[in-house]
Amino acid sequence: MSEALDRPVDTAVGGIAADRLRSIIERVERLEAERKALTGDIGDIFAEAKSAGFDVKVIRQLLRLRRREPAEVEAEETLLAIYRRALGL
């Protein structure tokens, strides 16, 4: 019998567990496919918002604001108001 047939399935090749590596790569590939599908779904929602008359750029800005801490947003808005007054805007 040849040496290749005597190896266990999860054999280290060059010091790397080939089955473990394959598993990791396949999991990443599945997640990338899911991400691609989700990105398409999000694009569909933005298209729906646009067709309903909403400004997608503003919606994206609102989404960014909602991810941040309220105190951080408030401090930035306060500073922005001060700068606007200083410039007469």
N, C-alpha and C. Protein backbone atom coordinates (compact mmCIF):
# COMPACT_ATOMS: atom_id res chain seq x y z
N MET A 1 0.85 -1.17 0.00
CA MET A 1 0.00 0.00 0.00
C MET A 1 0.89 1.23 0.00
N SER A 2 0.48 2.29 -0.68
CA SER A 2 1.30 3.49 -0.76
C SER A 2 1.17 4.31 0.51
N GLU A 3 2.15 5.18 0.72
CA GLU A 3 2.14 6.06 1.89
C GLU A 3 0.93 6.98 1.90
N ALA A 4 0.52 7.50 0.74
CA ALA A 4 -0.60 8.44 0.63
C ALA A 4 -1.88 7.80 1.12
N LEU A 5 -2.06 6.51 0.89
CA LEU A 5 -3.29 5.84 1.33
C LEU A 5 -3.27 5.54 2.82
N ASP A 6 -2.08 5.49 3.42
CA ASP A 6 -1.96 5.20 4.83
C ASP A 6 -2.23 6.42 5.71
N ARG A 7 -2.25 7.63 5.12
CA ARG A 7 -2.44 8.84 5.91
C ARG A 7 -3.88 8.97 6.39
N PRO A 8 -4.07 9.49 7.60
CA PRO A 8 -5.44 9.80 8.03
C PRO A 8 -6.00 10.96 7.22
N VAL A 9 -7.31 11.10 7.22
CA VAL A 9 -7.98 12.12 6.41
C VAL A 9 -7.51 13.52 6.78
N ASP A 10 -7.37 13.84 8.06
CA ASP A 10 -6.99 15.19 8.50
C ASP A 10 -5.47 15.27 8.64
N THR A 11 -4.77 14.95 7.58
CA THR A 11 -3.32 14.91 7.61
C THR A 11 -2.73 16.30 7.49
N ALA A 12 -1.65 16.49 8.20
CA ALA A 12 -0.92 17.74 8.08
C ALA A 12 -0.10 17.67 6.81
N VAL A 13 -0.22 18.70 6.00
CA VAL A 13 0.55 18.78 4.77
C VAL A 13 1.46 19.98 4.93
N GLY A 14 2.74 19.73 4.97
CA GLY A 14 3.69 20.82 5.17
C GLY A 14 3.47 21.50 6.51
N GLY A 15 3.02 20.74 7.50
CA GLY A 15 2.78 21.31 8.83
C GLY A 15 1.42 21.97 8.97
N ILE A 16 0.57 21.86 7.93
CA ILE A 16 -0.75 22.49 7.96
C ILE A 16 -1.82 21.40 7.94
N ALA A 17 -2.81 21.50 8.82
CA ALA A 17 -3.92 20.55 8.83
C ALA A 17 -4.83 20.91 7.66
N ALA A 18 -4.74 20.14 6.58
CA ALA A 18 -5.43 20.46 5.33
C ALA A 18 -6.95 20.54 5.51
N ASP A 19 -7.54 19.59 6.23
CA ASP A 19 -9.00 19.60 6.41
C ASP A 19 -9.45 20.82 7.21
N ARG A 20 -8.68 21.18 8.20
CA ARG A 20 -9.01 22.36 9.02
C ARG A 20 -8.95 23.61 8.16
N LEU A 21 -7.91 23.73 7.35
CA LEU A 21 -7.76 24.88 6.46
C LEU A 21 -8.91 24.94 5.46
N ARG A 22 -9.25 23.79 4.86
CA ARG A 22 -10.35 23.72 3.90
C ARG A 22 -11.66 24.17 4.56
N SER A 23 -11.88 23.72 5.79
CA SER A 23 -13.09 24.09 6.53
C SER A 23 -13.17 25.60 6.75
N ILE A 24 -12.05 26.19 7.15
CA ILE A 24 -12.02 27.64 7.38
C ILE A 24 -12.31 28.39 6.09
N ILE A 25 -11.68 27.98 5.01
CA ILE A 25 -11.88 28.66 3.73
C ILE A 25 -13.32 28.53 3.27
N GLU A 26 -13.91 27.35 3.40
CA GLU A 26 -15.30 27.14 2.98
C GLU A 26 -16.27 27.96 3.82
N ARG A 27 -15.99 28.10 5.12
CA ARG A 27 -16.85 28.93 5.98
C ARG A 27 -16.79 30.38 5.56
N VAL A 28 -15.58 30.88 5.27
CA VAL A 28 -15.43 32.26 4.81
C VAL A 28 -16.17 32.45 3.49
N GLU A 29 -16.04 31.49 2.58
CA GLU A 29 -16.72 31.60 1.29
C GLU A 29 -18.24 31.65 1.46
N ARG A 30 -18.78 30.84 2.37
CA ARG A 30 -20.23 30.86 2.63
C ARG A 30 -20.66 32.23 3.18
N LEU A 31 -19.87 32.76 4.12
CA LEU A 31 -20.20 34.07 4.69
C LEU A 31 -20.10 35.18 3.65
N GLU A 32 -19.11 35.09 2.76
CA GLU A 32 -18.99 36.10 1.70
C GLU A 32 -20.19 36.04 0.77
N ALA A 33 -20.68 34.84 0.47
CA ALA A 33 -21.88 34.70 -0.36
C ALA A 33 -23.09 35.30 0.34
N GLU A 34 -23.20 35.06 1.66
CA GLU A 34 -24.31 35.64 2.43
C GLU A 34 -24.21 37.17 2.43
N ARG A 35 -22.98 37.68 2.60
CA ARG A 35 -22.78 39.14 2.62
C ARG A 35 -23.19 39.74 1.28
N LYS A 36 -22.84 39.06 0.19
CA LYS A 36 -23.20 39.55 -1.14
C LYS A 36 -24.72 39.61 -1.28
N ALA A 37 -25.41 38.58 -0.81
CA ALA A 37 -26.87 38.55 -0.86
C ALA A 37 -27.46 39.67 -0.01
N LEU A 38 -26.90 39.87 1.18
CA LEU A 38 -27.40 40.93 2.07
C LEU A 38 -27.16 42.31 1.47
N THR A 39 -26.01 42.49 0.84
CA THR A 39 -25.71 43.77 0.20
C THR A 39 -26.75 44.05 -0.90
N GLY A 40 -27.11 43.03 -1.64
CA GLY A 40 -28.14 43.18 -2.66
C GLY A 40 -29.49 43.54 -2.05
N ASP A 41 -29.82 42.90 -0.93
CA ASP A 41 -31.08 43.19 -0.25
C ASP A 41 -31.11 44.63 0.26
N ILE A 42 -29.99 45.09 0.81
CA ILE A 42 -29.90 46.48 1.30
C ILE A 42 -30.05 47.45 0.14
N GLY A 43 -29.43 47.14 -0.98
CA GLY A 43 -29.58 47.98 -2.17
C GLY A 43 -31.02 48.06 -2.62
N ASP A 44 -31.74 46.94 -2.55
CA ASP A 44 -33.16 46.93 -2.90
C ASP A 44 -33.97 47.84 -1.98
N ILE A 45 -33.63 47.83 -0.70
CA ILE A 45 -34.34 48.68 0.27
C ILE A 45 -34.07 50.15 -0.02
N PHE A 46 -32.82 50.49 -0.36
CA PHE A 46 -32.52 51.88 -0.70
C PHE A 46 -33.24 52.29 -1.98
N ALA A 47 -33.36 51.39 -2.95
CA ALA A 47 -34.10 51.69 -4.18
C ALA A 47 -35.57 51.92 -3.86
N GLU A 48 -36.11 51.13 -2.96
CA GLU A 48 -37.50 51.29 -2.52
C GLU A 48 -37.69 52.66 -1.85
N ALA A 49 -36.74 53.02 -0.98
CA ALA A 49 -36.81 54.31 -0.29
C ALA A 49 -36.76 55.45 -1.31
N LYS A 50 -35.87 55.33 -2.28
CA LYS A 50 -35.74 56.38 -3.30
C LYS A 50 -37.02 56.50 -4.11
N SER A 51 -37.62 55.37 -4.49
CA SER A 51 -38.86 55.42 -5.27
C SER A 51 -40.03 55.96 -4.45
N ALA A 52 -39.91 55.89 -3.11
CA ALA A 52 -40.94 56.45 -2.23
C ALA A 52 -40.70 57.94 -1.95
N GLY A 53 -39.63 58.49 -2.55
CA GLY A 53 -39.36 59.92 -2.41
C GLY A 53 -38.39 60.30 -1.32
N PHE A 54 -37.78 59.32 -0.68
CA PHE A 54 -36.82 59.62 0.38
C PHE A 54 -35.44 59.88 -0.23
N ASP A 55 -34.65 60.70 0.44
CA ASP A 55 -33.28 60.99 0.01
C ASP A 55 -32.36 59.94 0.62
N VAL A 56 -31.82 59.08 -0.23
CA VAL A 56 -31.00 57.96 0.23
C VAL A 56 -29.74 58.44 0.92
N LYS A 57 -29.16 59.53 0.46
CA LYS A 57 -27.96 60.07 1.09
C LYS A 57 -28.24 60.44 2.55
N VAL A 58 -29.39 61.03 2.79
CA VAL A 58 -29.77 61.42 4.15
C VAL A 58 -30.06 60.18 4.99
N ILE A 59 -30.69 59.19 4.41
CA ILE A 59 -30.95 57.94 5.14
C ILE A 59 -29.64 57.30 5.57
N ARG A 60 -28.66 57.27 4.67
CA ARG A 60 -27.35 56.70 5.03
C ARG A 60 -26.72 57.49 6.18
N GLN A 61 -26.88 58.81 6.14
CA GLN A 61 -26.33 59.65 7.22
C GLN A 61 -27.04 59.33 8.54
N LEU A 62 -28.35 59.15 8.50
CA LEU A 62 -29.08 58.79 9.72
C LEU A 62 -28.63 57.44 10.26
N LEU A 63 -28.38 56.49 9.39
CA LEU A 63 -27.89 55.18 9.83
C LEU A 63 -26.54 55.30 10.53
N ARG A 64 -25.65 56.14 9.97
CA ARG A 64 -24.35 56.36 10.62
C ARG A 64 -24.52 56.99 12.00
N LEU A 65 -25.44 57.94 12.10
CA LEU A 65 -25.68 58.60 13.39
C LEU A 65 -26.21 57.62 14.43
N ARG A 66 -27.11 56.74 14.00
CA ARG A 66 -27.71 55.78 14.94
C ARG A 66 -26.70 54.77 15.48
N ARG A 67 -25.61 54.55 14.76
CA ARG A 67 -24.57 53.62 15.23
C ARG A 67 -23.68 54.23 16.30
N ARG A 68 -23.70 55.55 16.40
CA ARG A 68 -22.79 56.24 17.32
C ARG A 68 -23.46 56.45 18.67
N GLU A 69 -22.63 56.79 19.63
CA GLU A 69 -23.13 57.10 20.98
C GLU A 69 -23.84 58.45 20.95
N PRO A 70 -25.01 58.56 21.60
CA PRO A 70 -25.76 59.82 21.59
C PRO A 70 -24.95 61.01 22.11
N ALA A 71 -24.14 60.83 23.13
CA ALA A 71 -23.35 61.94 23.67
C ALA A 71 -22.33 62.42 22.65
N GLU A 72 -21.75 61.51 21.91
CA GLU A 72 -20.78 61.86 20.88
C GLU A 72 -21.45 62.66 19.75
N VAL A 73 -22.64 62.23 19.36
CA VAL A 73 -23.39 62.93 18.32
C VAL A 73 -23.77 64.33 18.79
N GLU A 74 -24.23 64.42 20.03
CA GLU A 74 -24.62 65.72 20.59
C GLU A 74 -23.44 66.69 20.64
N ALA A 75 -22.29 66.20 21.06
CA ALA A 75 -21.10 67.05 21.14
C ALA A 75 -20.70 67.54 19.75
N GLU A 76 -20.77 66.67 18.77
CA GLU A 76 -20.43 67.06 17.40
C GLU A 76 -21.43 68.08 16.86
N GLU A 77 -22.72 67.86 17.12
CA GLU A 77 -23.73 68.80 16.65
C GLU A 77 -23.57 70.17 17.30
N THR A 78 -23.23 70.19 18.59
CA THR A 78 -22.99 71.45 19.30
C THR A 78 -21.83 72.20 18.67
N LEU A 79 -20.74 71.50 18.42
CA LEU A 79 -19.57 72.11 17.81
C LEU A 79 -19.88 72.60 16.39
N LEU A 80 -20.66 71.83 15.65
CA LEU A 80 -21.05 72.23 14.31
C LEU A 80 -21.88 73.52 14.35
N ALA A 81 -22.78 73.63 15.32
CA ALA A 81 -23.59 74.84 15.47
C ALA A 81 -22.71 76.05 15.80
N ILE A 82 -21.73 75.86 16.65
CA ILE A 82 -20.80 76.94 17.00
C ILE A 82 -20.04 77.40 15.77
N TYR A 83 -19.53 76.43 14.99
CA TYR A 83 -18.78 76.76 13.78
C TYR A 83 -19.68 77.47 12.76
N ARG A 84 -20.92 77.03 12.64
CA ARG A 84 -21.84 77.69 11.70
C ARG A 84 -22.07 79.14 12.10
N ARG A 85 -22.31 79.35 13.39
CA ARG A 85 -22.50 80.74 13.85
C ARG A 85 -21.28 81.57 13.59
N ALA A 86 -20.10 81.00 13.81
CA ALA A 86 -18.85 81.74 13.59
C ALA A 86 -18.69 82.14 12.12
N LEU A 87 -19.22 81.31 11.23
CA LEU A 87 -19.13 81.61 9.79
C LEU A 87 -20.33 82.34 9.25
N GLY A 88 -21.31 82.58 10.13
CA GLY A 88 -22.52 83.29 9.69
C GLY A 88 -23.44 82.44 8.82
N LEU A 89 -23.40 81.16 9.00
CA LEU A 89 -24.27 80.26 8.21
C LEU A 89 -25.57 79.98 8.92
